[in-house]
Amino acid sequence: MKFDDFRQRLVHNWPVKVLSLVTAVMLYLLAQTAGLEQRELTVGIDVITAPGIEAVRSSDLEAEVRIRGPRDQIFFIETDDIILEADVSHVGSAGTVQAYVRLREQRQLSLIRPLEIHYSPTNIEVDLRQTERSGP
């Protein structure tokens, strides 16, 4: 008898109960995202090359980074905390190559939740040349 009574109470007005649950979840998600702030930075892109190869004007390579997260935490993020790199170490000769830019995971960034990091450009064109050999 007790189970039937419980089941009857559970299914009584079930549309209202489901609507209340959906509303509660939506309000929770809204409250979670309301405290998020956005910040924009300009970060240099590190180019990783093979031995004997160097990137021409690699200091000019920069990316615009948008950070979105809790406002009390993202304003402590410095440009040195975000490391973007383009790996062209598989290229062994001079020339122009396309490289994907990727974000290197940093421990201090992984502690901030929720955190969104978007950057542009996501791929770059890198001019490579042979390095000058010094020696006898």
Foldseek 3Di string as FASTA:
>chain_A
DVVVVVVVVCPVVVVVVVVVVVVVVVVVVCVQQVQKDKDKDKAQEAEAAAPQKDWDPSRPHIKIKMKIAGPVPPVVDDSVQWYKYWYPHVDDAFDKDKTFIDTDDDPVVVVTPPMDMDMPDGMDITGMHGDDDDDD
